[in-house]
Amino acid sequence: MAKIVPTHGFLLSGRFQNGVFCVKANGTGYVRTWVRPKDARTNVQIAQRGRFGAAIDAWKALPEDERKKYRDRARFMGRTGYHLFVGEFIAGQGDGDGPG
């Protein structure tokens, strides 16, 4: 569904019929043709989805005081505690430890 965002007039964003309204980093808008995303289901892609799922489950199981520590750290980075945790969890998957 397309959204209208008031700026200096209006800005469309999102999908509408067969077009996708996009915005570049510099703020200029453009339209491209919508293409159905492909789900390749490669082993690498499936493994990455598993890592994300494990990270989300780990965040949900995290005690509130630990979540607050992540939120406090993330604030100085312009991120959320959730995103910081998930990023560190996935980065730590190489050694099997998760975040830390």
Protein backbone atom coordinates (compact mmCIF):
# COMPACT_ATOMS: atom_id res chain seq x y z
CA MET A 1 0.00 0.00 0.00
CA ALA A 2 1.35 3.42 -0.91
CA LYS A 3 1.71 6.12 1.76
CA ILE A 4 1.51 9.87 1.33
CA VAL A 5 4.04 11.70 3.49
CA PRO A 6 3.66 15.48 3.76
CA THR A 7 6.92 17.31 2.95
CA HIS A 8 7.24 20.23 0.53
CA GLY A 9 3.97 19.14 -1.08
CA PHE A 10 3.74 15.38 -0.78
CA LEU A 11 5.86 12.27 -1.12
CA LEU A 12 4.57 8.87 -2.16
CA SER A 13 6.18 5.78 -0.74
CA GLY A 14 5.34 2.10 -1.08
CA ARG A 15 3.60 -0.07 -3.65
CA PHE A 16 0.63 1.04 -5.70
CA GLN A 17 -0.71 -1.32 -8.36
CA ASN A 18 2.31 -2.24 -10.54
CA GLY A 19 4.62 0.53 -9.32
CA VAL A 20 6.75 1.11 -6.25
CA PHE A 21 7.33 4.66 -5.07
CA CYS A 22 10.82 4.98 -3.62
CA VAL A 23 12.93 7.73 -2.09
CA LYS A 24 16.69 8.04 -2.57
CA ALA A 25 18.97 8.98 0.33
CA ASN A 26 19.10 12.56 -0.97
CA GLY A 27 15.31 12.83 -0.70
CA THR A 28 14.37 12.65 -4.39
CA GLY A 29 11.57 10.31 -5.25
CA TYR A 30 11.24 7.91 -8.16
CA VAL A 31 8.97 5.09 -9.32
CA ARG A 32 10.06 1.65 -10.39
CA THR A 33 8.13 -1.39 -11.60
CA TRP A 34 7.16 -3.81 -8.85
CA VAL A 35 8.72 -7.24 -9.18
CA ARG A 36 7.67 -10.23 -7.11
CA PRO A 37 10.52 -11.01 -4.71
CA LYS A 38 12.20 -14.35 -5.32
CA ASP A 39 12.64 -16.81 -2.50
CA ALA A 40 15.66 -18.79 -3.63
CA ARG A 41 15.61 -20.99 -0.50
CA THR A 42 19.32 -21.64 -0.76
CA ASN A 43 21.05 -23.40 2.14
CA VAL A 44 22.83 -20.15 3.01
CA GLN A 45 19.54 -18.20 3.02
CA ILE A 46 17.80 -20.83 5.15
CA ALA A 47 20.69 -20.85 7.63
CA GLN A 48 20.61 -17.03 7.88
CA ARG A 49 16.87 -17.08 8.57
CA GLY A 50 17.55 -19.61 11.32
CA ARG A 51 20.14 -17.28 12.86
CA PHE A 52 17.65 -14.40 12.81
CA GLY A 53 15.00 -16.59 14.39
CA ALA A 54 17.40 -17.68 17.14
CA ALA A 55 18.37 -14.04 17.75
CA ILE A 56 14.73 -12.98 18.08
CA ASP A 57 14.00 -15.85 20.48
CA ALA A 58 17.07 -14.93 22.54
CA TRP A 59 15.94 -11.28 22.73
CA LYS A 60 12.48 -12.35 23.90
CA ALA A 61 14.05 -14.52 26.62
CA LEU A 62 16.40 -11.75 27.78
CA PRO A 63 15.58 -10.30 31.22
CA GLU A 64 14.37 -6.69 31.19
CA ASP A 65 17.48 -5.38 32.98
CA GLU A 66 19.66 -6.87 30.21
CA ARG A 67 17.40 -5.36 27.53
CA LYS A 68 17.81 -1.97 29.21
CA LYS A 69 21.62 -2.30 28.99
CA TYR A 70 21.32 -2.86 25.24
CA ARG A 71 18.92 0.08 24.89
CA ASP A 72 21.30 2.35 26.80
CA ARG A 73 24.30 1.32 24.65
CA ALA A 74 22.30 1.57 21.43
CA ARG A 75 21.03 5.09 22.14
CA PHE A 76 24.52 6.51 21.57
CA MET A 77 24.68 4.73 18.21
CA GLY A 78 21.32 5.93 16.93
CA ARG A 79 19.96 2.37 17.06
CA THR A 80 17.48 0.43 19.13
CA GLY A 81 18.54 -2.07 21.77
CA TYR A 82 16.76 -4.80 19.83
CA HIS A 83 18.70 -4.12 16.63
CA LEU A 84 22.00 -3.90 18.50
CA PHE A 85 21.32 -7.22 20.23
CA VAL A 86 20.28 -8.99 17.02
CA GLY A 87 23.34 -7.67 15.16
CA GLU A 88 25.72 -8.79 17.89
CA PHE A 89 23.96 -12.12 18.27
CA ILE A 90 24.27 -12.90 14.57
CA ALA A 91 27.89 -11.66 14.45
CA GLY A 92 28.67 -13.94 17.42
CA GLN A 93 27.13 -16.96 15.70
CA GLY A 94 30.49 -17.63 14.06
CA ASP A 95 31.93 -18.71 17.41
CA GLY A 96 28.65 -20.13 18.73
CA ASP A 97 28.45 -17.74 21.68
CA GLY A 98 25.83 -15.22 20.58
CA PRO A 99 26.28 -11.60 21.72
CA GLY A 100 28.89 -10.52 24.15
